[in-house]
Amino acid sequence: PAAPAPSMIDQLKELGELKEQGVLTEDEF
């Protein structure tokens, strides 16, 4: 019973947030 892996949707949302914050460029995203 370890922490479940984040779903693909959650990971995509996190990537989108990082892009909006300017942490990721369009190409990296």
Full PDB file with SEQRES, HELIX, SHEET, SSBOND, CRYST1, ORIGX, SCALE, CONECT and MASTER records, all heavy atoms in Angstrom:
SEQRES   1 A   29  PRO ALA ALA PRO ALA PRO SER MET ILE ASP GLN LEU LYS          
SEQRES   2 A   29  GLU LEU GLY GLU LEU LYS GLU GLN GLY VAL LEU THR GLU          
SEQRES   3 A   29  ASP GLU PHE                                                  
HELIX    1 AA1 MET A    8  GLN A   21  1                                  14    
CRYST1    1.000    1.000    1.000  90.00  90.00  90.00 P 1           1          
ORIGX1      1.000000  0.000000  0.000000        0.00000                         
ORIGX2      0.000000  1.000000  0.000000        0.00000                         
ORIGX3      0.000000  0.000000  1.000000        0.00000                         
SCALE1      1.000000  0.000000  0.000000        0.00000                         
SCALE2      0.000000  1.000000  0.000000        0.00000                         
SCALE3      0.000000  0.000000  1.000000        0.00000                         
ATOM      1  N   PRO A   1       0.813  -1.214   0.000  1.00  0.00           N  
ATOM      2  CA  PRO A   1       0.000   0.000   0.000  1.00  0.00           C  
ATOM      3  C   PRO A   1       0.852   1.273   0.000  1.00  0.00           C  
ATOM      4  O   PRO A   1       0.792   2.083   0.907  1.00  0.00           O  
ATOM      5  CB  PRO A   1      -0.850  -0.101   1.248  1.00  0.00           C  
ATOM      6  CG  PRO A   1      -0.380  -1.251   2.009  1.00  0.00           C  
ATOM      7  CD  PRO A   1       0.645  -1.964   1.211  1.00  0.00           C  
ATOM      8  N   ALA A   2       1.654   1.448  -1.030  1.00  0.00           N  
ATOM      9  CA  ALA A   2       2.440   2.669  -1.177  1.00  0.00           C  
ATOM     10  C   ALA A   2       1.568   3.716  -1.867  1.00  0.00           C  
ATOM     11  O   ALA A   2       0.468   3.430  -2.326  1.00  0.00           O  
ATOM     12  CB  ALA A   2       3.682   2.375  -1.992  1.00  0.00           C  
ATOM     13  N   ALA A   3       2.090   4.914  -1.949  1.00  0.00           N  
ATOM     14  CA  ALA A   3       1.336   5.985  -2.593  1.00  0.00           C  
ATOM     15  C   ALA A   3       1.112   5.623  -4.060  1.00  0.00           C  
ATOM     16  O   ALA A   3       2.045   5.212  -4.748  1.00  0.00           O  
ATOM     17  CB  ALA A   3       2.104   7.288  -2.493  1.00  0.00           C  
ATOM     18  N   PRO A   4      -0.134   5.754  -4.544  1.00  0.00           N  
ATOM     19  CA  PRO A   4      -0.401   5.400  -5.929  1.00  0.00           C  
ATOM     20  C   PRO A   4       0.299   6.368  -6.872  1.00  0.00           C  
ATOM     21  O   PRO A   4       0.483   7.543  -6.562  1.00  0.00           O  
ATOM     22  CB  PRO A   4      -1.918   5.505  -6.053  1.00  0.00           C  
ATOM     23  CG  PRO A   4      -2.327   6.413  -4.953  1.00  0.00           C  
ATOM     24  CD  PRO A   4      -1.323   6.217  -3.855  1.00  0.00           C  
ATOM     25  N   ALA A   5       0.697   5.848  -8.025  1.00  0.00           N  
ATOM     26  CA  ALA A   5       1.351   6.691  -9.014  1.00  0.00           C  
ATOM     27  C   ALA A   5       0.345   7.687  -9.562  1.00  0.00           C  
ATOM     28  O   ALA A   5      -0.833   7.365  -9.724  1.00  0.00           O  
ATOM     29  CB  ALA A   5       1.899   5.817 -10.142  1.00  0.00           C  
ATOM     30  N   PRO A   6       0.783   8.907  -9.815  1.00  0.00           N  
ATOM     31  CA  PRO A   6      -0.159   9.899 -10.332  1.00  0.00           C  
ATOM     32  C   PRO A   6      -0.670   9.485 -11.710  1.00  0.00           C  
ATOM     33  O   PRO A   6       0.069   8.928 -12.515  1.00  0.00           O  
ATOM     34  CB  PRO A   6       0.660  11.189 -10.406  1.00  0.00           C  
ATOM     35  CG  PRO A   6       2.078  10.790 -10.264  1.00  0.00           C  
ATOM     36  CD  PRO A   6       2.106   9.449  -9.627  1.00  0.00           C  
ATOM     37  N   SER A   7      -1.924   9.762 -11.966  1.00  0.00           N  
ATOM     38  CA  SER A   7      -2.507   9.374 -13.240  1.00  0.00           C  
ATOM     39  C   SER A   7      -1.951  10.263 -14.350  1.00  0.00           C  
ATOM     40  O   SER A   7      -1.339  11.308 -14.098  1.00  0.00           O  
ATOM     41  CB  SER A   7      -4.029   9.506 -13.191  1.00  0.00           C  
ATOM     42  OG  SER A   7      -4.386  10.866 -13.105  1.00  0.00           O  
ATOM     43  N   MET A   8      -2.176   9.845 -15.572  1.00  0.00           N  
ATOM     44  CA  MET A   8      -1.676  10.593 -16.709  1.00  0.00           C  
ATOM     45  C   MET A   8      -2.308  11.984 -16.760  1.00  0.00           C  
ATOM     46  O   MET A   8      -1.637  12.974 -17.058  1.00  0.00           O  
ATOM     47  CB  MET A   8      -1.951   9.837 -18.010  1.00  0.00           C  
ATOM     48  CG  MET A   8      -1.317  10.489 -19.216  1.00  0.00           C  
ATOM     49  SD  MET A   8      -1.672   9.708 -20.782  1.00  0.00           S  
ATOM     50  CE  MET A   8      -1.181   8.049 -20.522  1.00  0.00           C  
ATOM     51  N   ILE A   9      -3.572  12.057 -16.416  1.00  0.00           N  
ATOM     52  CA  ILE A   9      -4.270  13.347 -16.434  1.00  0.00           C  
ATOM     53  C   ILE A   9      -3.654  14.301 -15.409  1.00  0.00           C  
ATOM     54  O   ILE A   9      -3.421  15.478 -15.701  1.00  0.00           O  
ATOM     55  CB  ILE A   9      -5.781  13.154 -16.182  1.00  0.00           C  
ATOM     56  CG1 ILE A   9      -6.386  12.366 -17.353  1.00  0.00           C  
ATOM     57  CG2 ILE A   9      -6.478  14.476 -15.968  1.00  0.00           C  
ATOM     58  CD1 ILE A   9      -7.822  11.979 -17.167  1.00  0.00           C  
ATOM     59  N   ASP A  10      -3.369  13.776 -14.218  1.00  0.00           N  
ATOM     60  CA  ASP A  10      -2.747  14.612 -13.191  1.00  0.00           C  
ATOM     61  C   ASP A  10      -1.377  15.102 -13.652  1.00  0.00           C  
ATOM     62  O   ASP A  10      -1.012  16.257 -13.422  1.00  0.00           O  
ATOM     63  CB  ASP A  10      -2.610  13.842 -11.875  1.00  0.00           C  
ATOM     64  CG  ASP A  10      -3.953  13.564 -11.230  1.00  0.00           C  
ATOM     65  OD1 ASP A  10      -4.924  14.308 -11.525  1.00  0.00           O  
ATOM     66  OD2 ASP A  10      -4.033  12.600 -10.433  1.00  0.00           O  
ATOM     67  N   GLN A  11      -0.630  14.231 -14.289  1.00  0.00           N  
ATOM     68  CA  GLN A  11       0.695  14.619 -14.773  1.00  0.00           C  
ATOM     69  C   GLN A  11       0.590  15.677 -15.870  1.00  0.00           C  
ATOM     70  O   GLN A  11       1.381  16.621 -15.903  1.00  0.00           O  
ATOM     71  CB  GLN A  11       1.452  13.395 -15.278  1.00  0.00           C  
ATOM     72  CG  GLN A  11       1.855  12.444 -14.166  1.00  0.00           C  
ATOM     73  CD  GLN A  11       2.519  11.174 -14.699  1.00  0.00           C  
ATOM     74  OE1 GLN A  11       2.433  10.862 -15.876  1.00  0.00           O  
ATOM     75  NE2 GLN A  11       3.180  10.446 -13.814  1.00  0.00           N  
ATOM     76  N   LEU A  12      -0.390  15.524 -16.759  1.00  0.00           N  
ATOM     77  CA  LEU A  12      -0.585  16.521 -17.817  1.00  0.00           C  
ATOM     78  C   LEU A  12      -1.003  17.872 -17.225  1.00  0.00           C  
ATOM     79  O   LEU A  12      -0.547  18.926 -17.677  1.00  0.00           O  
ATOM     80  CB  LEU A  12      -1.619  16.038 -18.833  1.00  0.00           C  
ATOM     81  CG  LEU A  12      -1.157  14.916 -19.771  1.00  0.00           C  
ATOM     82  CD1 LEU A  12      -2.335  14.379 -20.573  1.00  0.00           C  
ATOM     83  CD2 LEU A  12      -0.057  15.400 -20.680  1.00  0.00           C  
ATOM     84  N   LYS A  13      -1.851  17.851 -16.205  1.00  0.00           N  
ATOM     85  CA  LYS A  13      -2.259  19.095 -15.542  1.00  0.00           C  
ATOM     86  C   LYS A  13      -1.053  19.781 -14.914  1.00  0.00           C  
ATOM     87  O   LYS A  13      -0.893  21.003 -15.007  1.00  0.00           O  
ATOM     88  CB  LYS A  13      -3.311  18.810 -14.470  1.00  0.00           C  
ATOM     89  CG  LYS A  13      -4.678  18.508 -15.015  1.00  0.00           C  
ATOM     90  CD  LYS A  13      -5.642  18.240 -13.883  1.00  0.00           C  
ATOM     91  CE  LYS A  13      -7.019  17.849 -14.403  1.00  0.00           C  
ATOM     92  NZ  LYS A  13      -7.955  17.560 -13.305  1.00  0.00           N  
ATOM     93  N   GLU A  14      -0.198  18.972 -14.266  1.00  0.00           N  
ATOM     94  CA  GLU A  14       0.990  19.535 -13.634  1.00  0.00           C  
ATOM     95  C   GLU A  14       1.920  20.145 -14.685  1.00  0.00           C  
ATOM     96  O   GLU A  14       2.480  21.236 -14.477  1.00  0.00           O  
ATOM     97  CB  GLU A  14       1.716  18.445 -12.845  1.00  0.00           C  
ATOM     98  CG  GLU A  14       2.901  18.945 -12.059  1.00  0.00           C  
ATOM     99  CD  GLU A  14       3.559  17.859 -11.244  1.00  0.00           C  
ATOM    100  OE1 GLU A  14       2.880  16.883 -10.870  1.00  0.00           O  
ATOM    101  OE2 GLU A  14       4.760  17.994 -10.992  1.00  0.00           O  
ATOM    102  N   LEU A  15       2.066  19.460 -15.817  1.00  0.00           N  
ATOM    103  CA  LEU A  15       2.889  20.010 -16.899  1.00  0.00           C  
ATOM    104  C   LEU A  15       2.304  21.325 -17.404  1.00  0.00           C  
ATOM    105  O   LEU A  15       3.038  22.292 -17.671  1.00  0.00           O  
ATOM    106  CB  LEU A  15       2.994  19.014 -18.058  1.00  0.00           C  
ATOM    107  CG  LEU A  15       3.990  17.860 -17.903  1.00  0.00           C  
ATOM    108  CD1 LEU A  15       3.891  16.908 -19.080  1.00  0.00           C  
ATOM    109  CD2 LEU A  15       5.404  18.376 -17.755  1.00  0.00           C  
ATOM    110  N   GLY A  16       0.975  21.364 -17.564  1.00  0.00           N  
ATOM    111  CA  GLY A  16       0.319  22.593 -18.003  1.00  0.00           C  
ATOM    112  C   GLY A  16       0.549  23.737 -17.037  1.00  0.00           C  
ATOM    113  O   GLY A  16       0.804  24.883 -17.444  1.00  0.00           O  
ATOM    114  N   GLU A  17       0.486  23.448 -15.734  1.00  0.00           N  
ATOM    115  CA  GLU A  17       0.717  24.481 -14.728  1.00  0.00           C  
ATOM    116  C   GLU A  17       2.159  24.984 -14.785  1.00  0.00           C  
ATOM    117  O   GLU A  17       2.410  26.189 -14.664  1.00  0.00           O  
ATOM    118  CB  GLU A  17       0.395  23.934 -13.335  1.00  0.00           C  
ATOM    119  CG  GLU A  17      -1.081  23.695 -13.099  1.00  0.00           C  
ATOM    120  CD  GLU A  17      -1.354  22.996 -11.774  1.00  0.00           C  
ATOM    121  OE1 GLU A  17      -0.417  22.772 -10.988  1.00  0.00           O  
ATOM    122  OE2 GLU A  17      -2.531  22.676 -11.526  1.00  0.00           O  
ATOM    123  N   LEU A  18       3.103  24.050 -14.975  1.00  0.00           N  
ATOM    124  CA  LEU A  18       4.507  24.456 -15.072  1.00  0.00           C  
ATOM    125  C   LEU A  18       4.739  25.326 -16.302  1.00  0.00           C  
ATOM    126  O   LEU A  18       5.521  26.283 -16.263  1.00  0.00           O  
ATOM    127  CB  LEU A  18       5.423  23.221 -15.103  1.00  0.00           C  
ATOM    128  CG  LEU A  18       5.532  22.423 -13.807  1.00  0.00           C  
ATOM    129  CD1 LEU A  18       6.307  21.134 -14.025  1.00  0.00           C  
ATOM    130  CD2 LEU A  18       6.175  23.253 -12.717  1.00  0.00           C  
ATOM    131  N   LYS A  19       4.040  25.011 -17.381  1.00  0.00           N  
ATOM    132  CA  LYS A  19       4.164  25.819 -18.599  1.00  0.00           C  
ATOM    133  C   LYS A  19       3.584  27.219 -18.373  1.00  0.00           C  
ATOM    134  O   LYS A  19       4.182  28.232 -18.766  1.00  0.00           O  
ATOM    135  CB  LYS A  19       3.439  25.134 -19.763  1.00  0.00           C  
ATOM    136  CG  LYS A  19       3.532  25.892 -21.061  1.00  0.00           C  
ATOM    137  CD  LYS A  19       2.717  25.208 -22.122  1.00  0.00           C  
ATOM    138  CE  LYS A  19       2.406  26.199 -23.222  1.00  0.00           C  
ATOM    139  NZ  LYS A  19       1.196  25.890 -23.920  1.00  0.00           N  
ATOM    140  N   GLU A  20       2.427  27.292 -17.712  1.00  0.00           N  
ATOM    141  CA  GLU A  20       1.791  28.585 -17.432  1.00  0.00           C  
ATOM    142  C   GLU A  20       2.647  29.434 -16.507  1.00  0.00           C  
ATOM    143  O   GLU A  20       2.682  30.662 -16.625  1.00  0.00           O  
ATOM    144  CB  GLU A  20       0.413  28.375 -16.808  1.00  0.00           C  
ATOM    145  CG  GLU A  20      -0.626  27.872 -17.775  1.00  0.00           C  
ATOM    146  CD  GLU A  20      -1.952  27.584 -17.090  1.00  0.00           C  
ATOM    147  OE1 GLU A  20      -2.120  27.925 -15.905  1.00  0.00           O  
ATOM    148  OE2 GLU A  20      -2.819  26.992 -17.745  1.00  0.00           O  
ATOM    149  N   GLN A  21       3.356  28.797 -15.573  1.00  0.00           N  
ATOM    150  CA  GLN A  21       4.211  29.526 -14.638  1.00  0.00           C  
ATOM    151  C   GLN A  21       5.514  29.971 -15.308  1.00  0.00           C  
ATOM    152  O   GLN A  21       6.264  30.746 -14.739  1.00  0.00           O  
ATOM    153  CB  GLN A  21       4.535  28.659 -13.418  1.00  0.00           C  
ATOM    154  CG  GLN A  21       3.337  28.337 -12.564  1.00  0.00           C  
ATOM    155  CD  GLN A  21       3.651  27.304 -11.486  1.00  0.00           C  
ATOM    156  OE1 GLN A  21       4.790  26.832 -11.362  1.00  0.00           O  
ATOM    157  NE2 GLN A  21       2.644  26.939 -10.698  1.00  0.00           N  
ATOM    158  N   GLY A  22       5.781  29.455 -16.490  1.00  0.00           N  
ATOM    159  CA  GLY A  22       7.002  29.831 -17.195  1.00  0.00           C  
ATOM    160  C   GLY A  22       8.192  28.956 -16.859  1.00  0.00           C  
ATOM    161  O   GLY A  22       9.320  29.235 -17.250  1.00  0.00           O  
ATOM    162  N   VAL A  23       7.967  27.866 -16.107  1.00  0.00           N  
ATOM    163  CA  VAL A  23       9.056  26.959 -15.756  1.00  0.00           C  
ATOM    164  C   VAL A  23       9.461  26.139 -16.983  1.00  0.00           C  
ATOM    165  O   VAL A  23      10.651  25.886 -17.201  1.00  0.00           O  
ATOM    166  CB  VAL A  23       8.636  26.025 -14.589  1.00  0.00           C  
ATOM    167  CG1 VAL A  23       9.708  25.012 -14.277  1.00  0.00           C  
ATOM    168  CG2 VAL A  23       8.297  26.860 -13.362  1.00  0.00           C  
ATOM    169  N   LEU A  24       8.479  25.754 -17.799  1.00  0.00           N  
ATOM    170  CA  LEU A  24       8.739  24.981 -19.012  1.00  0.00           C  
ATOM    171  C   LEU A  24       8.490  25.847 -20.237  1.00  0.00           C  
ATOM    172  O   LEU A  24       7.543  26.638 -20.268  1.00  0.00           O  
ATOM    173  CB  LEU A  24       7.812  23.754 -19.082  1.00  0.00           C  
ATOM    174  CG  LEU A  24       8.006  22.653 -18.056  1.00  0.00           C  
ATOM    175  CD1 LEU A  24       6.945  21.572 -18.247  1.00  0.00           C  
ATOM    176  CD2 LEU A  24       9.382  22.032 -18.155  1.00  0.00           C  
ATOM    177  N   THR A  25       9.329  25.662 -21.225  1.00  0.00           N  
ATOM    178  CA  THR A  25       9.093  26.334 -22.505  1.00  0.00           C  
ATOM    179  C   THR A  25       8.079  25.520 -23.295  1.00  0.00           C  
ATOM    180  O   THR A  25       7.725  24.391 -22.918  1.00  0.00           O  
ATOM    181  CB  THR A  25      10.399  26.442 -23.318  1.00  0.00           C  
ATOM    182  OG1 THR A  25      10.843  25.132 -23.644  1.00  0.00           O  
ATOM    183  CG2 THR A  25      11.479  27.189 -22.550  1.00  0.00           C  
ATOM    184  N   GLU A  26       7.630  26.081 -24.408  1.00  0.00           N  
ATOM    185  CA  GLU A  26       6.662  25.380 -25.258  1.00  0.00           C  
ATOM    186  C   GLU A  26       7.244  24.065 -25.782  1.00  0.00           C  
ATOM    187  O   GLU A  26       6.559  23.047 -25.801  1.00  0.00           O  
ATOM    188  CB  GLU A  26       6.261  26.289 -26.433  1.00  0.00           C  
ATOM    189  CG  GLU A  26       5.182  25.718 -27.323  1.00  0.00           C  
ATOM    190  CD  GLU A  26       3.828  25.606 -26.623  1.00  0.00           C  
ATOM    191  OE1 GLU A  26       3.478  26.487 -25.826  1.00  0.00           O  
ATOM    192  OE2 GLU A  26       3.129  24.608 -26.867  1.00  0.00           O  
ATOM    193  N   ASP A  27       8.510  24.093 -26.162  1.00  0.00           N  
ATOM    194  CA  ASP A  27       9.154  22.872 -26.680  1.00  0.00           C  
ATOM    195  C   ASP A  27       9.306  21.812 -25.586  1.00  0.00           C  
ATOM    196  O   ASP A  27       9.072  20.623 -25.817  1.00  0.00           O  
ATOM    197  CB  ASP A  27      10.522  23.205 -27.272  1.00  0.00           C  
ATOM    198  CG  ASP A  27      10.420  24.057 -28.530  1.00  0.00           C  
ATOM    199  OD1 ASP A  27       9.366  23.982 -29.207  1.00  0.00           O  
ATOM    200  OD2 ASP A  27      11.395  24.774 -28.829  1.00  0.00           O  
ATOM    201  N   GLU A  28       9.707  22.231 -24.389  1.00  0.00           N  
ATOM    202  CA  GLU A  28       9.851  21.284 -23.273  1.00  0.00           C  
ATOM    203  C   GLU A  28       8.496  20.678 -22.905  1.00  0.00           C  
ATOM    204  O   GLU A  28       8.389  19.485 -22.639  1.00  0.00           O  
ATOM    205  CB  GLU A  28      10.460  21.984 -22.051  1.00  0.00           C  
ATOM    206  CG  GLU A  28      11.904  22.396 -22.234  1.00  0.00           C  
ATOM    207  CD  GLU A  28      12.408  23.260 -21.082  1.00  0.00           C  
ATOM    208  OE1 GLU A  28      11.592  23.951 -20.431  1.00  0.00           O  
ATOM    209  OE2 GLU A  28      13.620  23.235 -20.841  1.00  0.00           O  
ATOM    210  N   PHE A  29       7.481  21.543 -22.893  1.00  0.00           N  
ATOM    211  CA  PHE A  29       6.133  21.066 -22.583  1.00  0.00           C  
ATOM    212  C   PHE A  29       5.690  20.033 -23.617  1.00  0.00           C  
ATOM    213  O   PHE A  29       5.175  18.970 -23.263  1.00  0.00           O  
ATOM    214  CB  PHE A  29       5.147  22.236 -22.550  1.00  0.00           C  
ATOM    215  CG  PHE A  29       3.710  21.810 -22.431  1.00  0.00           C  
ATOM    216  CD1 PHE A  29       3.208  21.350 -21.225  1.00  0.00           C  
ATOM    217  CD2 PHE A  29       2.859  21.848 -23.525  1.00  0.00           C  
ATOM    218  CE1 PHE A  29       1.880  20.946 -21.103  1.00  0.00           C  
ATOM    219  CE2 PHE A  29       1.537  21.445 -23.424  1.00  0.00           C  
ATOM    220  CZ  PHE A  29       1.050  20.992 -22.214  1.00  0.00           C  
TER     221      PHE A  29                                                      
MASTER        0    0    0    1    0    0    0    6  220    1    0    3          
END                                                                             
